[in-house]
């Protein structure tokens, strides 16, 4: 995921602002980390450079 996406991404549940937490990145993109919405307390993981923006209820078991 490129950092520039943060300018257009919002929480798919409540449309709130997302906060980025980076665990691993290279010179081009964020490879591992997460996005967090403070408004509704939802978390979205980033794996292999791809943010999973499905609402948390859809991927929790």
PDB file of N, CA and C in Angstrom:
ATOM      1  N   UNK A   1       0.849  -1.171   0.000  1.00  0.00           N
ATOM      2  CA  UNK A   1       0.000   0.000   0.000  1.00  0.00           C
ATOM      3  C   UNK A   1       0.893   1.231   0.000  1.00  0.00           C
ATOM      4  N   UNK A   2       0.641   2.138  -0.873  1.00  0.00           N
ATOM      5  CA  UNK A   2       1.416   3.383  -0.906  1.00  0.00           C
ATOM      6  C   UNK A   2       0.888   4.372   0.135  1.00  0.00           C
ATOM      7  N   UNK A   3       1.801   5.105   0.738  1.00  0.00           N
ATOM      8  CA  UNK A   3       1.410   6.101   1.753  1.00  0.00           C
ATOM      9  C   UNK A   3       0.431   7.131   1.196  1.00  0.00           C
ATOM     10  N   UNK A   4       0.536   7.419  -0.089  1.00  0.00           N
ATOM     11  CA  UNK A   4      -0.344   8.435  -0.689  1.00  0.00           C
ATOM     12  C   UNK A   4      -1.818   8.028  -0.627  1.00  0.00           C
ATOM     13  N   UNK A   5      -2.110   6.749  -0.458  1.00  0.00           N
ATOM     14  CA  UNK A   5      -3.510   6.310  -0.331  1.00  0.00           C
ATOM     15  C   UNK A   5      -4.168   6.837   0.936  1.00  0.00           C
ATOM     16  N   UNK A   6      -3.376   7.181   1.930  1.00  0.00           N
ATOM     17  CA  UNK A   6      -3.944   7.676   3.185  1.00  0.00           C
ATOM     18  C   UNK A   6      -4.760   8.949   2.960  1.00  0.00           C
ATOM     19  N   UNK A   7      -4.455   9.688   1.894  1.00  0.00           N
ATOM     20  CA  UNK A   7      -5.203  10.919   1.597  1.00  0.00           C
ATOM     21  C   UNK A   7      -6.637  10.636   1.165  1.00  0.00           C
ATOM     22  N   UNK A   8      -6.896   9.438   0.642  1.00  0.00           N
ATOM     23  CA  UNK A   8      -8.239   9.143   0.130  1.00  0.00           C
ATOM     24  C   UNK A   8      -8.964   8.042   0.887  1.00  0.00           C
ATOM     25  N   UNK A   9      -8.247   7.285   1.731  1.00  0.00           N
ATOM     26  CA  UNK A   9      -8.892   6.197   2.458  1.00  0.00           C
ATOM     27  C   UNK A   9      -9.680   6.716   3.655  1.00  0.00           C
ATOM     28  N   UNK A  10     -10.802   6.061   3.917  1.00  0.00           N
ATOM     29  CA  UNK A  10     -11.570   6.332   5.118  1.00  0.00           C
ATOM     30  C   UNK A  10     -12.148   5.006   5.607  1.00  0.00           C
ATOM     31  N   UNK A  11     -12.643   4.990   6.804  1.00  0.00           N
ATOM     32  CA  UNK A  11     -13.219   3.785   7.380  1.00  0.00           C
ATOM     33  C   UNK A  11     -14.461   3.386   6.582  1.00  0.00           C
ATOM     34  N   UNK A  12     -14.531   2.137   6.113  1.00  0.00           N
ATOM     35  CA  UNK A  12     -15.706   1.718   5.351  1.00  0.00           C
ATOM     36  C   UNK A  12     -16.955   1.544   6.217  1.00  0.00           C
ATOM     37  N   UNK A  13     -16.791   1.478   7.526  1.00  0.00           N
ATOM     38  CA  UNK A  13     -17.933   1.310   8.426  1.00  0.00           C
ATOM     39  C   UNK A  13     -18.589   2.655   8.733  1.00  0.00           C
ATOM     40  N   UNK A  14     -17.768   3.640   9.164  1.00  0.00           N
ATOM     41  CA  UNK A  14     -18.343   4.912   9.615  1.00  0.00           C
ATOM     42  C   UNK A  14     -17.837   6.133   8.841  1.00  0.00           C
ATOM     43  N   UNK A  15     -16.931   5.925   7.891  1.00  0.00           N
ATOM     44  CA  UNK A  15     -16.324   6.993   7.086  1.00  0.00           C
ATOM     45  C   UNK A  15     -15.381   7.885   7.886  1.00  0.00           C
ATOM     46  N   UNK A  16     -14.945   7.417   9.054  1.00  0.00           N
ATOM     47  CA  UNK A  16     -14.007   8.170   9.882  1.00  0.00           C
ATOM     48  C   UNK A  16     -12.597   8.122   9.329  1.00  0.00           C
ATOM     49  N   UNK A  17     -11.725   8.952   9.896  1.00  0.00           N
ATOM     50  CA  UNK A  17     -10.318   8.988   9.487  1.00  0.00           C
ATOM     51  C   UNK A  17      -9.594   7.759  10.009  1.00  0.00           C
ATOM     52  N   UNK A  18      -8.639   7.276   9.234  1.00  0.00           N
ATOM     53  CA  UNK A  18      -7.856   6.110   9.605  1.00  0.00           C
ATOM     54  C   UNK A  18      -6.450   6.524  10.020  1.00  0.00           C
ATOM     55  N   UNK A  19      -5.924   5.847  11.037  1.00  0.00           N
ATOM     56  CA  UNK A  19      -4.559   6.058  11.498  1.00  0.00           C
ATOM     57  C   UNK A  19      -3.721   4.877  11.037  1.00  0.00           C
ATOM     58  N   UNK A  20      -2.549   5.160  10.524  1.00  0.00           N
ATOM     59  CA  UNK A  20      -1.661   4.140   9.974  1.00  0.00           C
ATOM     60  C   UNK A  20      -0.622   3.704  10.997  1.00  0.00           C
ATOM     61  N   UNK A  21      -0.445   2.386  11.138  1.00  0.00           N
ATOM     62  CA  UNK A  21       0.631   1.816  11.953  1.00  0.00           C
ATOM     63  C   UNK A  21       1.454   0.930  11.027  1.00  0.00           C
ATOM     64  N   UNK A  22       2.735   1.262  10.863  1.00  0.00           N
ATOM     65  CA  UNK A  22       3.601   0.542   9.930  1.00  0.00           C
ATOM     66  C   UNK A  22       4.487  -0.437  10.702  1.00  0.00           C
ATOM     67  N   UNK A  23       4.479  -1.694  10.272  1.00  0.00           N
ATOM     68  CA  UNK A  23       5.369  -2.703  10.841  1.00  0.00           C
ATOM     69  C   UNK A  23       6.545  -2.991   9.911  1.00  0.00           C
ATOM     70  N   UNK A  24       6.292  -2.944   8.590  1.00  0.00           N
ATOM     71  CA  UNK A  24       7.350  -3.224   7.615  1.00  0.00           C
ATOM     72  C   UNK A  24       7.043  -2.458   6.338  1.00  0.00           C
ATOM     73  N   UNK A  25       8.079  -1.814   5.781  1.00  0.00           N
ATOM     74  CA  UNK A  25       7.907  -1.114   4.516  1.00  0.00           C
ATOM     75  C   UNK A  25       9.207  -1.125   3.735  1.00  0.00           C
ATOM     76  N   UNK A  26       9.090  -0.933   2.432  1.00  0.00           N
ATOM     77  CA  UNK A  26      10.269  -0.766   1.597  1.00  0.00           C
ATOM     78  C   UNK A  26      10.259   0.656   1.060  1.00  0.00           C
ATOM     79  N   UNK A  27      11.100   0.940   0.075  1.00  0.00           N
ATOM     80  CA  UNK A  27      11.187   2.309  -0.431  1.00  0.00           C
ATOM     81  C   UNK A  27       9.941   2.770  -1.191  1.00  0.00           C
ATOM     82  N   UNK A  28       9.075   1.833  -1.594  1.00  0.00           N
ATOM     83  CA  UNK A  28       7.899   2.192  -2.384  1.00  0.00           C
ATOM     84  C   UNK A  28       6.579   2.123  -1.620  1.00  0.00           C
ATOM     85  N   UNK A  29       6.453   1.130  -0.714  1.00  0.00           N
ATOM     86  CA  UNK A  29       5.139   0.935  -0.097  1.00  0.00           C
ATOM     87  C   UNK A  29       5.216   0.297   1.282  1.00  0.00           C
ATOM     88  N   UNK A  30       4.098   0.349   1.971  1.00  0.00           N
ATOM     89  CA  UNK A  30       3.939  -0.298   3.270  1.00  0.00           C
ATOM     90  C   UNK A  30       3.565  -1.749   3.008  1.00  0.00           C
ATOM     91  N   UNK A  31       4.350  -2.667   3.559  1.00  0.00           N
ATOM     92  CA  UNK A  31       4.127  -4.083   3.312  1.00  0.00           C
ATOM     93  C   UNK A  31       3.301  -4.748   4.416  1.00  0.00           C
ATOM     94  N   UNK A  32       3.542  -4.366   5.657  1.00  0.00           N
ATOM     95  CA  UNK A  32       2.828  -4.945   6.799  1.00  0.00           C
ATOM     96  C   UNK A  32       2.476  -3.831   7.766  1.00  0.00           C
ATOM     97  N   UNK A  33       1.325  -3.955   8.385  1.00  0.00           N
ATOM     98  CA  UNK A  33       0.906  -2.957   9.358  1.00  0.00           C
ATOM     99  C   UNK A  33      -0.590  -3.012   9.546  1.00  0.00           C
ATOM    100  N   UNK A  34      -1.162  -1.862   9.849  1.00  0.00           N
ATOM    101  CA  UNK A  34      -2.592  -1.826  10.072  1.00  0.00           C
ATOM    102  C   UNK A  34      -3.134  -0.415   9.989  1.00  0.00           C
ATOM    103  N   UNK A  35      -4.429  -0.349   9.838  1.00  0.00           N
ATOM    104  CA  UNK A  35      -5.168   0.915   9.840  1.00  0.00           C
ATOM    105  C   UNK A  35      -6.167   0.847  10.978  1.00  0.00           C
ATOM    106  N   UNK A  36      -6.340   1.952  11.683  1.00  0.00           N
ATOM    107  CA  UNK A  36      -7.264   1.984  12.819  1.00  0.00           C
ATOM    108  C   UNK A  36      -8.182   3.196  12.706  1.00  0.00           C
ATOM    109  N   UNK A  37      -9.456   2.969  12.978  1.00  0.00           N
ATOM    110  CA  UNK A  37     -10.436   4.062  13.017  1.00  0.00           C
ATOM    111  C   UNK A  37     -10.767   4.356  14.474  1.00  0.00           C
ATOM    112  N   UNK A  38     -10.422   5.555  14.934  1.00  0.00           N
ATOM    113  CA  UNK A  38     -10.697   5.940  16.311  1.00  0.00           C
ATOM    114  C   UNK A  38     -12.185   6.182  16.535  1.00  0.00           C
ATOM    115  N   UNK A  39     -12.911   6.553  15.487  1.00  0.00           N
ATOM    116  CA  UNK A  39     -14.334   6.875  15.628  1.00  0.00           C
ATOM    117  C   UNK A  39     -15.173   5.650  15.995  1.00  0.00           C
ATOM    118  N   UNK A  40     -14.912   4.509  15.338  1.00  0.00           N
ATOM    119  CA  UNK A  40     -15.716   3.302  15.630  1.00  0.00           C
ATOM    120  C   UNK A  40     -14.857   2.155  16.166  1.00  0.00           C
ATOM    121  N   UNK A  41     -13.567   2.417  16.395  1.00  0.00           N
ATOM    122  CA  UNK A  41     -12.633   1.453  16.979  1.00  0.00           C
ATOM    123  C   UNK A  41     -12.415   0.213  16.114  1.00  0.00           C
ATOM    124  N   UNK A  42     -12.521   0.346  14.803  1.00  0.00           N
ATOM    125  CA  UNK A  42     -12.304  -0.777  13.884  1.00  0.00           C
ATOM    126  C   UNK A  42     -10.839  -0.822  13.460  1.00  0.00           C
ATOM    127  N   UNK A  43     -10.324  -2.026  13.284  1.00  0.00           N
ATOM    128  CA  UNK A  43      -8.950  -2.234  12.827  1.00  0.00           C
ATOM    129  C   UNK A  43      -8.959  -2.965  11.494  1.00  0.00           C
ATOM    130  N   UNK A  44      -8.055  -2.576  10.616  1.00  0.00           N
ATOM    131  CA  UNK A  44      -7.935  -3.175   9.291  1.00  0.00           C
ATOM    132  C   UNK A  44      -6.467  -3.537   9.061  1.00  0.00           C
ATOM    133  N   UNK A  45      -6.162  -4.810   8.868  1.00  0.00           N
ATOM    134  CA  UNK A  45      -4.764  -5.219   8.683  1.00  0.00           C
ATOM    135  C   UNK A  45      -4.245  -4.913   7.277  1.00  0.00           C
ATOM    136  N   UNK A  46      -2.932  -4.762   7.190  1.00  0.00           N
ATOM    137  CA  UNK A  46      -2.241  -4.637   5.905  1.00  0.00           C
ATOM    138  C   UNK A  46      -1.262  -5.804   5.831  1.00  0.00           C
ATOM    139  N   UNK A  47      -1.424  -6.688   4.843  1.00  0.00           N
ATOM    140  CA  UNK A  47      -0.537  -7.834   4.644  1.00  0.00           C
ATOM    141  C   UNK A  47      -0.074  -7.856   3.194  1.00  0.00           C
ATOM    142  N   UNK A  48       1.208  -8.064   3.007  1.00  0.00           N
ATOM    143  CA  UNK A  48       1.797  -8.119   1.663  1.00  0.00           C
ATOM    144  C   UNK A  48       1.450  -6.887   0.829  1.00  0.00           C
ATOM    145  N   UNK A  49       1.355  -5.742   1.480  1.00  0.00           N
ATOM    146  CA  UNK A  49       1.095  -4.493   0.777  1.00  0.00           C
ATOM    147  C   UNK A  49      -0.360  -4.225   0.444  1.00  0.00           C
ATOM    148  N   UNK A  50      -1.265  -5.103   0.905  1.00  0.00           N
ATOM    149  CA  UNK A  50      -2.682  -4.971   0.570  1.00  0.00           C
ATOM    150  C   UNK A  50      -3.502  -4.712   1.838  1.00  0.00           C
ATOM    151  N   UNK A  51      -4.181  -3.554   1.914  1.00  0.00           N
ATOM    152  CA  UNK A  51      -5.036  -3.316   3.073  1.00  0.00           C
ATOM    153  C   UNK A  51      -6.354  -4.095   2.937  1.00  0.00           C
ATOM    154  N   UNK A  52      -6.766  -4.751   4.006  1.00  0.00           N
ATOM    155  CA  UNK A  52      -8.037  -5.470   4.034  1.00  0.00           C
ATOM    156  C   UNK A  52      -9.070  -4.526   4.636  1.00  0.00           C
ATOM    157  N   UNK A  53      -9.864  -3.903   3.788  1.00  0.00           N
ATOM    158  CA  UNK A  53     -10.846  -2.927   4.252  1.00  0.00           C
ATOM    159  C   UNK A  53     -12.252  -3.499   4.362  1.00  0.00           C
ATOM    160  N   UNK A  54     -12.350  -4.817   4.488  1.00  0.00           N
ATOM    161  CA  UNK A  54     -13.654  -5.406   4.778  1.00  0.00           C
ATOM    162  C   UNK A  54     -14.040  -5.019   6.197  1.00  0.00           C
ATOM    163  N   UNK A  55     -15.313  -4.738   6.452  1.00  0.00           N
ATOM    164  CA  UNK A  55     -15.731  -4.468   7.826  1.00  0.00           C
ATOM    165  C   UNK A  55     -15.334  -5.650   8.718  1.00  0.00           C
ATOM    166  N   UNK A  56     -14.806  -5.380   9.918  1.00  0.00           N
ATOM    167  CA  UNK A  56     -14.311  -6.442  10.794  1.00  0.00           C
ATOM    168  C   UNK A  56     -15.309  -7.575  11.028  1.00  0.00           C
ATOM    169  N   UNK A  57     -16.584  -7.303  11.076  1.00  0.00           N
ATOM    170  CA  UNK A  57     -17.583  -8.355  11.296  1.00  0.00           C
ATOM    171  C   UNK A  57     -17.594  -9.383  10.163  1.00  0.00           C
ATOM    172  N   UNK A  58     -17.101  -9.015   8.993  1.00  0.00           N
ATOM    173  CA  UNK A  58     -17.117  -9.921   7.847  1.00  0.00           C
ATOM    174  C   UNK A  58     -15.951 -10.911   7.859  1.00  0.00           C
ATOM    175  N   UNK A  59     -14.861 -10.630   8.595  1.00  0.00           N
ATOM    176  CA  UNK A  59     -13.739 -11.550   8.581  1.00  0.00           C
ATOM    177  C   UNK A  59     -13.382 -12.129   9.934  1.00  0.00           C
ATOM    178  N   UNK A  60     -14.085 -11.748  10.986  1.00  0.00           N
ATOM    179  CA  UNK A  60     -13.867 -12.363  12.290  1.00  0.00           C
ATOM    180  C   UNK A  60     -14.630 -13.671  12.367  1.00  0.00           C
ATOM    181  N   UNK A  61     -14.020 -14.641  13.006  1.00  0.00           N
ATOM    182  CA  UNK A  61     -14.691 -15.940  13.138  1.00  0.00           C
ATOM    183  C   UNK A  61     -15.439 -16.039  14.437  1.00  0.00           C
TER     184      UNK A  61
END
